[in-house]
Protein backbone atom coordinates (compact mmCIF):
# COMPACT_ATOMS: atom_id res chain seq x y z
CA MET A 1 171.92 159.71 132.16
CA LYS A 2 171.31 155.97 132.02
CA LEU A 3 173.41 153.74 129.76
CA LEU A 4 172.38 150.13 129.26
CA VAL A 5 175.15 148.67 127.08
CA ASP A 6 178.79 148.22 128.07
CA THR A 7 180.85 148.02 124.89
CA HIS A 8 184.29 147.14 126.29
CA THR A 9 184.86 144.36 128.85
CA HIS A 10 187.52 141.70 129.45
CA THR A 11 187.64 138.16 130.80
CA VAL A 12 190.40 135.87 132.02
CA ALA A 13 191.13 135.17 128.34
CA SER A 14 192.84 138.57 128.19
CA GLY A 15 195.54 137.24 130.49
CA HIS A 16 195.51 140.15 132.93
CA ALA A 17 191.79 140.26 133.77
CA TYR A 18 190.17 138.40 136.61
CA SER A 19 186.63 137.24 135.77
CA THR A 20 184.97 134.68 133.56
CA LEU A 21 182.47 135.50 130.84
CA ARG A 22 179.65 134.14 132.99
CA GLU A 23 180.71 136.29 135.95
CA ASN A 24 180.67 139.36 133.71
CA ALA A 25 177.21 138.42 132.46
CA LEU A 26 175.92 137.94 136.01
CA PHE A 27 177.16 141.36 137.09
CA ALA A 28 175.79 142.94 133.93
CA ALA A 29 172.39 141.52 134.81
CA LYS A 30 172.75 142.63 138.43
CA LYS A 31 173.45 146.20 137.29
CA GLY A 32 170.48 146.23 134.96
CA LEU A 33 172.40 146.25 131.67
CA GLU A 34 170.64 145.08 128.53
CA ALA A 35 173.86 144.03 126.78
CA PHE A 36 177.64 143.93 127.04
CA CYS A 37 180.44 143.33 124.56
CA CYS A 38 183.07 140.71 125.25
CA THR A 39 186.19 142.42 123.90
CA ASP A 40 189.20 140.48 125.07
CA HIS A 41 192.60 141.75 123.94
CA GLY A 42 193.86 140.53 120.59
CA PRO A 43 196.92 138.26 120.32
CA GLY A 44 199.33 141.13 119.61
CA LEU A 45 199.36 141.97 123.32
CA ALA A 46 201.51 139.66 125.41
CA GLY A 47 199.19 137.29 127.27
CA GLY A 48 196.21 138.42 125.19
CA ALA A 49 193.54 136.10 123.91
CA PRO A 50 194.59 133.78 121.08
CA ASP A 51 192.74 134.48 117.87
CA PHE A 52 190.73 131.26 118.09
CA ILE A 53 188.82 132.76 121.04
CA ILE A 54 186.81 134.65 118.42
CA SER A 55 185.69 131.28 117.05
CA VAL A 56 184.86 129.97 120.53
CA LEU A 57 182.49 132.90 121.08
CA GLN A 58 180.55 131.80 117.99
CA GLY A 59 179.43 128.68 119.85
CA LEU A 60 177.86 130.57 122.74
CA PRO A 61 174.23 131.68 123.01
CA ASP A 62 173.34 135.28 122.21
CA VAL A 63 171.90 135.80 125.69
CA LEU A 64 173.83 134.97 128.87
CA GLU A 65 172.14 135.27 132.25
CA GLY A 66 169.39 137.34 130.64
CA VAL A 67 171.80 139.81 129.02
CA ARG A 68 172.69 140.05 125.34
CA MET A 69 176.37 139.15 124.84
CA ILE A 70 177.97 140.79 121.80
CA ARG A 71 180.97 139.02 120.32
CA GLY A 72 183.95 141.30 119.90
CA CYS A 73 187.62 141.94 120.46
CA GLU A 74 189.89 144.79 121.49
CA LEU A 75 192.32 144.82 118.60
CA ASN A 76 195.84 146.12 118.97
CA ILE A 77 196.88 148.87 116.56
CA LEU A 78 200.38 147.87 115.50
CA ASP A 79 201.73 150.95 113.73
CA SER A 80 200.93 154.36 112.27
CA GLU A 81 199.47 152.63 109.20
CA GLY A 82 196.64 151.41 111.44
CA ASN A 83 197.44 147.72 110.96
CA ILE A 84 195.74 145.44 113.48
CA ASP A 85 196.44 142.03 114.98
CA LEU A 86 193.61 139.85 113.64
CA SER A 87 193.28 138.47 110.15
CA GLU A 88 190.09 138.86 108.13
CA ARG A 89 189.31 135.21 108.83
CA TYR A 90 188.53 136.21 112.41
CA LEU A 91 187.48 139.81 111.87
CA LYS A 92 184.48 138.75 109.83
CA ARG A 93 183.23 136.57 112.70
CA THR A 94 182.88 139.48 115.11
CA GLU A 95 179.94 141.74 115.89
CA PHE A 96 181.87 144.71 117.31
CA LEU A 97 185.53 145.71 117.27
CA VAL A 98 187.49 148.18 119.37
CA ALA A 99 190.94 149.19 118.07
CA SER A 100 193.39 150.56 120.64
CA MET A 101 197.01 151.48 121.17
CA HIS A 102 198.83 149.79 124.06
CA ASP A 103 202.35 150.57 125.20
CA ILE A 104 203.24 146.89 125.44
CA VAL A 105 202.52 146.58 121.72
CA VAL A 106 203.40 149.83 119.96
CA ALA A 107 205.89 152.52 120.92
CA GLN A 108 204.76 156.04 121.75
CA GLY A 109 205.01 158.10 118.58
CA THR A 110 204.73 161.73 117.64
CA VAL A 111 201.33 163.44 117.62
CA GLU A 112 201.28 163.00 113.85
CA GLU A 113 202.16 159.30 114.03
CA ASN A 114 199.66 158.57 116.80
CA THR A 115 196.94 160.46 114.97
CA ALA A 116 197.66 158.56 111.76
CA ALA A 117 197.45 155.25 113.64
CA LEU A 118 193.92 155.99 114.89
CA VAL A 119 192.71 157.57 111.66
CA ASN A 120 193.98 154.66 109.56
CA ALA A 121 192.48 152.08 111.94
CA LEU A 122 189.09 153.78 111.55
CA LYS A 123 189.34 153.27 107.79
CA ASN A 124 189.24 149.49 108.29
CA LYS A 125 185.65 148.47 107.56
CA TYR A 126 185.61 146.00 110.46
CA VAL A 127 186.75 148.50 113.12
CA ASP A 128 183.88 150.24 114.91
CA VAL A 129 185.58 152.47 117.43
CA VAL A 130 188.98 153.61 118.65
CA GLY A 131 189.51 152.62 122.27
CA HIS A 132 190.56 155.06 125.00
CA PRO A 133 191.65 157.71 122.44
CA GLY A 134 192.03 160.24 125.25
CA ASN A 135 195.07 158.42 126.65
CA PRO A 136 197.75 161.15 126.85
CA HIS A 137 200.50 158.54 126.47
CA TYR A 138 199.53 158.56 122.79
CA ALA A 139 198.90 162.25 122.23
CA VAL A 140 196.83 162.90 119.10
CA ASN A 141 195.28 165.72 117.15
CA ILE A 142 191.84 165.28 118.67
CA GLU A 143 189.97 167.15 115.94
CA GLU A 144 191.56 165.02 113.21
CA VAL A 145 190.51 161.81 114.98
CA VAL A 146 186.96 163.05 115.52
CA ASP A 147 186.74 164.20 111.89
CA ALA A 148 187.94 160.76 110.74
CA ALA A 149 185.25 159.06 112.82
CA LYS A 150 182.65 161.29 111.19
CA ARG A 151 183.95 160.63 107.66
CA CYS A 152 184.00 156.88 108.24
CA ASP A 153 180.70 156.94 110.16
CA LYS A 154 182.45 155.25 113.07
CA LEU A 155 182.45 155.83 116.84
CA ILE A 156 184.63 157.46 119.48
CA GLU A 157 184.93 155.64 122.79
CA ILE A 158 184.58 157.50 126.07
CA ASN A 159 186.35 155.08 128.37
CA SER A 160 185.29 155.54 131.99
CA HIS A 161 188.26 153.54 133.28
CA SER A 162 190.64 156.08 131.72
CA PHE A 163 189.54 158.96 133.94
CA ARG A 164 191.24 157.37 136.96
CA HIS A 165 193.79 154.99 135.51
CA ARG A 166 195.32 156.78 132.50
CA ARG A 167 196.81 159.92 133.95
CA GLY A 168 195.70 163.07 132.16
CA SER A 169 192.66 161.47 130.51
CA ASP A 170 190.38 163.59 132.69
CA LYS A 171 191.61 166.55 130.62
CA THR A 172 191.63 164.99 127.15
CA CYS A 173 188.41 162.97 127.27
CA PRO A 174 186.25 166.10 127.78
CA GLN A 175 187.88 167.56 124.68
CA PHE A 176 186.73 164.54 122.69
CA ILE A 177 183.26 164.91 124.19
CA ARG A 178 183.00 168.59 123.24
CA LEU A 179 184.14 168.00 119.67
CA CYS A 180 181.86 165.00 119.19
CA LYS A 181 178.94 167.11 120.36
CA GLN A 182 179.94 169.99 118.12
CA LYS A 183 180.39 167.78 115.04
CA ASP A 184 177.51 165.31 115.68
CA VAL A 185 179.86 162.35 115.98
CA ARG A 186 178.45 159.30 117.71
CA ILE A 187 180.14 157.81 120.74
CA THR A 188 180.05 154.72 122.86
CA VAL A 189 180.68 154.64 126.60
CA SER A 190 182.50 151.75 128.23
CA SER A 191 183.78 150.49 131.55
CA ASP A 192 186.85 148.70 130.14
CA ALA A 193 186.20 146.31 133.02
CA HIS A 194 188.98 143.86 133.85
CA ALA A 195 186.94 142.37 136.69
CA CYS A 196 183.23 141.65 136.82
CA TYR A 197 182.65 144.16 139.63
CA ASN A 198 183.35 147.02 137.22
CA VAL A 199 181.06 145.91 134.38
CA GLY A 200 178.63 148.77 133.78
CA ASN A 201 180.69 151.24 135.81
CA PHE A 202 180.34 154.45 133.78
CA GLU A 203 180.29 157.01 136.59
CA ASP A 204 183.28 159.12 135.58
CA ALA A 205 182.35 159.14 131.90
CA VAL A 206 178.74 160.03 132.65
CA ARG A 207 179.85 162.87 134.89
CA ALA A 208 181.94 164.30 132.05
CA LEU A 209 179.14 163.83 129.50
CA GLU A 210 176.59 165.54 131.72
CA ALA A 211 178.98 168.43 132.33
CA GLU A 212 178.99 169.05 128.57
CA ASP A 213 175.22 168.42 128.23
CA PHE A 214 176.03 165.73 125.68
CA PRO A 215 172.97 164.60 123.66
CA GLN A 216 171.93 161.04 124.43
CA GLU A 217 170.90 160.42 120.82
CA LEU A 218 174.61 160.47 119.90
CA ILE A 219 175.38 157.66 122.38
CA VAL A 220 174.88 154.32 120.62
CA SER A 221 175.35 152.43 123.90
CA ARG A 222 172.39 154.14 125.58
CA SER A 223 170.17 151.09 125.00
CA LEU A 224 170.15 147.71 123.30
CA GLY A 225 167.71 149.09 120.76
CA ALA A 226 170.05 151.92 119.77
CA PHE A 227 173.06 149.61 119.72
CA THR A 228 171.24 147.00 117.64
CA GLU A 229 170.48 149.70 115.08
CA TYR A 230 174.19 150.51 114.90
CA LEU A 231 174.99 146.80 114.44
CA ARG A 232 172.59 146.73 111.49
CA GLU A 233 174.49 149.64 109.94
CA ARG A 234 177.73 147.79 110.57
CA LYS A 235 176.51 144.70 108.79
CA GLN A 236 175.51 146.74 105.75
CA ARG A 237 178.90 148.49 105.76
CA ILE A 238 180.84 145.24 105.86
CA GLU A 239 178.73 143.53 103.20
CA LYS A 240 179.19 146.32 100.63
C-alpha cells in the first residue's frame, strides 16, 4: 500500500514541534510524497499557533520544494457540543481541517460526552476529519462516530503516530478500520509528524490497514488526485 499525501503535520508554529515548513516540505519531497497538509495546532492549545498563522499560509505558494502544500489547521474540540477554537473568519481561509481532542484543552469525559464531542464537530461544515479518534484517553462509541462521518460525508483519521504514542490505540484504531471498511466510510492516513523526519511515516497505520485488507479507494490520501477530488467536494459543501 502506497500513500502519497500526509494530511496531518506540524511545524515550529505549534509550539512543541521541531521543524520549519520548508524542512517538512523537503522531507516530503525526499519521501516521494505528492502533497502534505500543514495542520498546526489551533490557539486553544497552550503554545499552539495563533490564529493569524492561517492568514500567513495564504501568502505562500501552493507548491513547496516540488510538493503541494495544503493549508490547514488541527482545531481543538473544546467541549461535548463540538465547539472549536477558530472563528469562521479563519475557518473559511483553510483547505483542510482536522478536529481533535487534547488533554491540555478539554477534560476526559464519559464515553457519551466524548462521542458527542466528535459527532458534533463533524457536523461543522468546515471540519473534514476527526483527529486520532482511536485515542483511548477519550473513549468513544466507535460505531456512532463512524456513522456520523458517513452521514456528514466526512473522514476518519487513521493516525500512524497513535499506534506507538497513545497507549491502547493499537487496539482501538483497528476497530475504526474494520467499521469504516464495513460501512464504506472514507479515511485519511497521517503521520501527525512533529518533526520533519516523520513526515510521510505511515508504517504502523499501513500495517493495520493491510491486516484488514482495507480498500484503497476509501483512502482519500492515497494520491494527490484522489485528495484533490475530495477538496472539490469540500468546496461545494462549504459554498452551499
